[in-house]
Protein backbone atom coordinates (compact mmCIF):
# COMPACT_ATOMS: atom_id res chain seq x y z
CA MET A 1 -14.33 9.49 31.59
CA THR A 2 -11.30 7.19 31.96
CA THR A 3 -8.03 8.18 30.29
CA PRO A 4 -5.96 5.34 28.77
CA SER A 5 -2.41 4.91 30.06
CA PRO A 6 0.44 5.99 27.78
CA PRO A 7 0.96 3.36 25.07
CA ALA A 8 3.92 1.04 25.13
CA PHE A 9 6.62 2.08 22.67
CA SER A 10 6.00 0.18 19.43
CA ARG A 11 8.99 -0.90 17.31
CA PRO A 12 7.87 -1.98 13.83
CA TYR A 13 11.14 -0.81 12.20
CA ALA A 14 14.79 -1.78 12.58
CA ASP A 15 15.86 1.83 13.09
CA GLU A 16 15.01 3.38 16.46
CA ALA A 17 14.74 6.90 15.02
CA THR A 18 12.09 5.63 12.60
CA ASN A 19 10.23 3.96 15.47
CA THR A 20 10.17 7.30 17.29
CA ILE A 21 8.73 9.03 14.20
CA TYR A 22 6.10 6.30 14.06
CA GLU A 23 5.10 6.89 17.68
CA LEU A 24 4.97 10.66 17.13
CA LEU A 25 2.28 10.17 14.48
CA PHE A 26 -0.32 9.45 17.16
CA CYS A 27 0.33 12.61 19.21
CA ASP A 28 -0.56 10.88 22.47
CA ASN A 29 2.76 11.02 24.31
CA ILE A 30 4.02 14.54 25.04
CA ALA A 31 7.29 13.12 26.39
CA LEU A 32 8.36 12.19 22.85
CA PHE A 33 8.11 15.79 21.65
CA ASP A 34 11.32 17.68 22.25
CA PRO A 35 11.28 21.25 20.89
CA GLU A 36 14.40 23.37 21.11
CA ALA A 37 14.88 25.20 24.41
CA THR A 38 13.86 28.53 22.90
CA ALA A 39 10.70 27.00 21.42
CA SER A 40 9.69 25.19 24.61
CA SER A 41 9.45 28.49 26.45
CA ALA A 42 7.15 30.00 23.81
CA TYR A 43 3.48 29.41 22.97
CA PRO A 44 2.09 26.77 22.60
CA TRP A 45 4.89 24.57 23.99
CA ASN A 46 5.13 26.55 27.21
CA ILE A 47 1.56 25.48 27.96
CA LEU A 48 1.93 21.88 26.83
CA PHE A 49 5.10 21.36 28.87
CA SER A 50 3.81 23.14 31.94
CA PRO A 51 3.77 20.86 35.03
CA ALA A 52 0.17 21.93 35.65
CA PRO A 53 -1.40 23.45 32.52
CA GLU A 54 -4.69 25.29 32.90
CA ALA A 55 -7.65 23.88 31.00
CA ALA A 56 -8.44 27.31 29.56
CA ASP A 57 -4.93 27.58 28.13
CA LEU A 58 -5.15 24.13 26.58
CA GLN A 59 -8.53 24.98 25.07
CA LYS A 60 -6.96 28.08 23.54
CA ILE A 61 -4.52 25.84 21.68
CA VAL A 62 -7.26 23.53 20.43
CA PHE A 63 -9.30 26.39 18.96
CA ASP A 64 -6.35 28.38 17.60
CA GLU A 65 -6.52 28.12 13.80
CA THR A 66 -2.83 28.97 13.48
CA VAL A 67 -1.75 25.88 15.46
CA GLU A 68 -0.96 22.68 13.57
CA SER A 69 -3.18 19.65 14.02
CA ARG A 70 -0.60 17.51 15.80
CA VAL A 71 -0.12 20.17 18.48
CA LYS A 72 -3.88 20.46 18.90
CA LEU A 73 -4.01 16.70 19.47
CA LEU A 74 -1.46 17.03 22.28
CA ALA A 75 -3.62 19.71 23.89
CA CYS A 76 -6.70 17.49 23.54
CA ALA A 77 -4.85 14.62 25.23
CA ALA A 78 -3.84 16.93 28.10
CA LEU A 79 -7.45 18.06 28.52
CA ARG A 80 -8.64 14.47 28.72
CA LYS A 81 -6.13 13.86 31.51
CA LEU A 82 -7.77 16.76 33.34
CA ASN A 83 -11.17 15.12 32.70
CA GLN A 84 -12.17 18.17 30.67
CA PRO A 85 -12.35 16.86 27.09
CA ILE A 86 -13.46 19.10 24.26
CA GLU A 87 -17.23 18.73 24.03
CA GLU A 88 -17.38 19.21 20.27
CA LYS A 89 -16.05 16.09 18.55
CA GLU A 90 -13.42 17.09 15.97
CA LEU A 91 -11.44 14.76 13.73
CA LEU A 92 -7.82 15.95 13.57
CA GLY A 93 -5.91 12.99 12.12
CA VAL A 94 -6.31 9.72 10.23
CA ILE A 95 -3.68 6.96 10.26
CA VAL A 96 -3.67 3.82 8.11
CA GLU A 97 -1.27 0.98 8.95
CA VAL A 98 -0.86 -1.99 6.63
CA GLY A 99 1.06 -5.06 7.73
CA LEU A 100 2.89 -6.31 4.64
CA ASP A 101 5.10 -9.37 4.23
CA GLU A 102 8.10 -7.02 4.14
CA GLY A 103 7.06 -4.81 7.05
CA LEU A 104 4.72 -1.98 8.02
CA ASP A 105 3.45 0.74 5.66
CA VAL A 106 1.94 3.77 7.42
CA LEU A 107 0.20 6.91 6.19
CA ALA A 108 -0.83 9.69 8.59
CA SER A 109 -3.01 12.52 7.28
CA TYR A 110 -3.83 15.55 9.43
CA GLN A 111 -6.64 18.07 9.27
CA ASP A 112 -4.27 20.95 8.45
CA GLY A 113 -3.14 19.18 5.26
CA SER A 114 0.18 17.90 6.54
CA ALA A 115 0.98 14.20 6.17
CA ARG A 116 3.55 11.56 7.02
CA TYR A 117 4.31 8.38 5.09
CA ILE A 118 6.61 5.65 6.41
CA ASN A 119 7.43 2.90 3.93
CA TYR A 120 8.01 -0.66 5.14
CA THR A 121 11.71 -0.11 4.41
CA GLY A 122 11.80 2.74 6.93
CA LYS A 123 12.06 5.44 4.28
CA MET A 124 9.67 8.30 4.94
CA ILE A 125 8.03 11.39 3.51
CA LEU A 126 7.33 14.39 5.73
CA TRP A 127 4.70 16.52 3.96
CA ASP A 128 4.27 19.87 5.70
CA VAL A 129 3.40 22.24 2.82
CA PRO A 130 0.17 21.06 1.19
CA ASP A 131 -0.43 21.73 -2.50
CA LYS A 132 -3.76 21.78 -4.33
CA GLY A 133 -3.70 18.06 -5.05
CA SER A 134 -2.87 16.95 -1.52
CA ALA A 135 -5.34 19.43 -0.02
CA GLU A 136 -8.16 17.93 -2.09
CA MET A 137 -7.13 14.43 -1.08
CA THR A 138 -6.96 15.40 2.58
CA ALA A 139 -10.50 16.78 2.38
CA GLN A 140 -11.73 13.51 0.84
CA ILE A 141 -9.95 11.41 3.47
CA PHE A 142 -11.66 13.37 6.22
CA ARG A 143 -15.10 13.20 4.59
CA ASP A 144 -14.82 9.43 4.24
CA SER A 145 -13.39 9.03 7.74
CA LEU A 146 -16.09 11.09 9.45
CA ASN A 147 -18.66 8.61 8.13
CA ILE A 148 -16.88 5.97 10.22
CA VAL A 149 -16.24 8.09 13.32
CA HIS A 150 -19.95 8.95 13.58
CA ARG A 151 -20.79 5.24 13.72
CA ILE A 152 -18.23 3.92 16.20
CA GLY A 153 -17.08 4.88 19.69
CA PRO A 154 -13.72 5.83 21.20
CA TRP A 155 -11.22 3.22 22.37
CA THR A 156 -10.74 3.44 26.13
CA GLU A 157 -7.80 1.04 26.52
CA PRO A 158 -4.11 1.80 25.85
CA ARG A 159 -3.30 2.09 22.15
CA ARG A 160 -2.37 -1.28 20.69
CA SER A 161 1.01 -2.12 19.22
CA HIS A 162 1.34 -1.95 15.42
CA PRO A 163 -0.72 -4.42 13.39
CA SER A 164 0.82 -7.72 12.30
CA LYS A 165 1.29 -9.06 8.77
CA GLY A 166 -1.93 -9.24 6.78
CA ILE A 167 -3.78 -6.81 9.04
CA VAL A 168 -4.84 -3.25 8.20
CA ARG A 169 -5.78 -0.76 10.89
CA ILE A 170 -7.33 2.66 10.40
CA SER A 171 -7.10 5.00 13.38
CA PHE A 172 -8.95 8.26 13.87
CA LEU A 173 -7.39 10.88 16.11
CA VAL A 174 -10.40 12.73 17.49
CA SER A 175 -10.59 15.50 20.06
CA ASP A 176 -12.27 13.11 22.53
CA GLY A 177 -9.87 10.20 21.99
CA LEU A 178 -8.71 7.43 19.70
CA TYR A 179 -11.12 5.59 17.42
CA PHE A 180 -10.04 2.68 15.23
CA GLY A 181 -11.01 -0.35 13.24
CA GLU A 182 -8.86 -3.23 12.00
CA GLY A 183 -9.08 -6.54 10.21
CA PRO A 184 -7.57 -8.66 7.46
CA VAL A 185 -6.47 -6.54 4.49
CA ASN A 186 -8.78 -8.27 1.99
CA VAL A 187 -11.74 -7.89 4.35
CA LEU A 188 -11.38 -4.27 5.41
CA PHE A 189 -10.58 -2.97 1.91
CA ASN A 190 -13.89 -4.51 0.79
CA ASP A 191 -15.89 -3.35 3.79
CA GLU A 192 -18.69 -0.98 2.85
CA LEU A 193 -17.90 1.47 5.65
CA ALA A 194 -14.10 1.30 5.72
CA ALA A 195 -13.27 0.93 2.01
CA PRO A 196 -13.82 4.57 0.94
CA ALA A 197 -11.49 5.96 3.64
CA LEU A 198 -8.86 3.29 2.97
CA SER A 199 -9.05 4.00 -0.74
CA SER A 200 -8.64 7.75 -0.14
CA CYS A 201 -5.62 7.14 2.07
CA THR A 202 -4.08 4.82 -0.51
CA GLY A 203 -4.53 7.57 -3.10
CA MET A 204 -2.72 10.04 -0.84
CA MET A 205 0.12 7.58 -0.26
CA GLN A 206 0.59 7.15 -4.01
CA TYR A 207 0.34 10.90 -4.63
CA LEU A 208 3.04 11.74 -2.08
CA THR A 209 5.33 9.01 -3.40
CA GLU A 210 4.96 10.22 -6.98
CA LYS A 211 5.53 13.86 -6.02
CA VAL A 212 8.76 13.00 -4.22
CA GLU A 213 9.98 10.77 -7.07
CA LYS A 214 9.47 13.61 -9.56
CA THR A 215 11.57 16.00 -7.48
CA GLN A 216 14.39 13.45 -7.43
CA ILE A 217 14.57 13.07 -11.21
């Protein structure tokens, strides 16, 4: 199995810090993760940042239910570099990118219920403590997304730069690699296979935005 090269750094936003957050969503470049010195010497970062991690140690991270999804994705990427990918296909993250006239809107939803939303303005929501509503929406996103993952194959080339205006891309972060589909917004949102997942992600985006707005009143 070939492992894609690290993706080129994508810069859809004017602010470089926001561009870094955007890149971190995909969990495919360990060099962008920079835990504090005390954390990097503790599990699981001590394994992930080891110059030569053992496959068994990386597998421990993947199957550890206490580890967040984004960290599991880093371990999966490291295993693929060792040509020892996880045999059981597991969907760990779903990312929707919409190229608007004003810029790029992005929602990332992870299996553990956490989420990230970056508005085209660069404003963002970091959602790390799921509530009942977001947990139900996450479950629906993953049900709809699995229907797609089971019908397409992994992308074996480097991850593409962010989509351009008028294009929507839905990416699936799976234990054995990156899966994605993209097309014109009006086409993909009406596609029989893609529409349910895109609709679920749109619902999550709206939910997070409304929750944050209420806390600011």
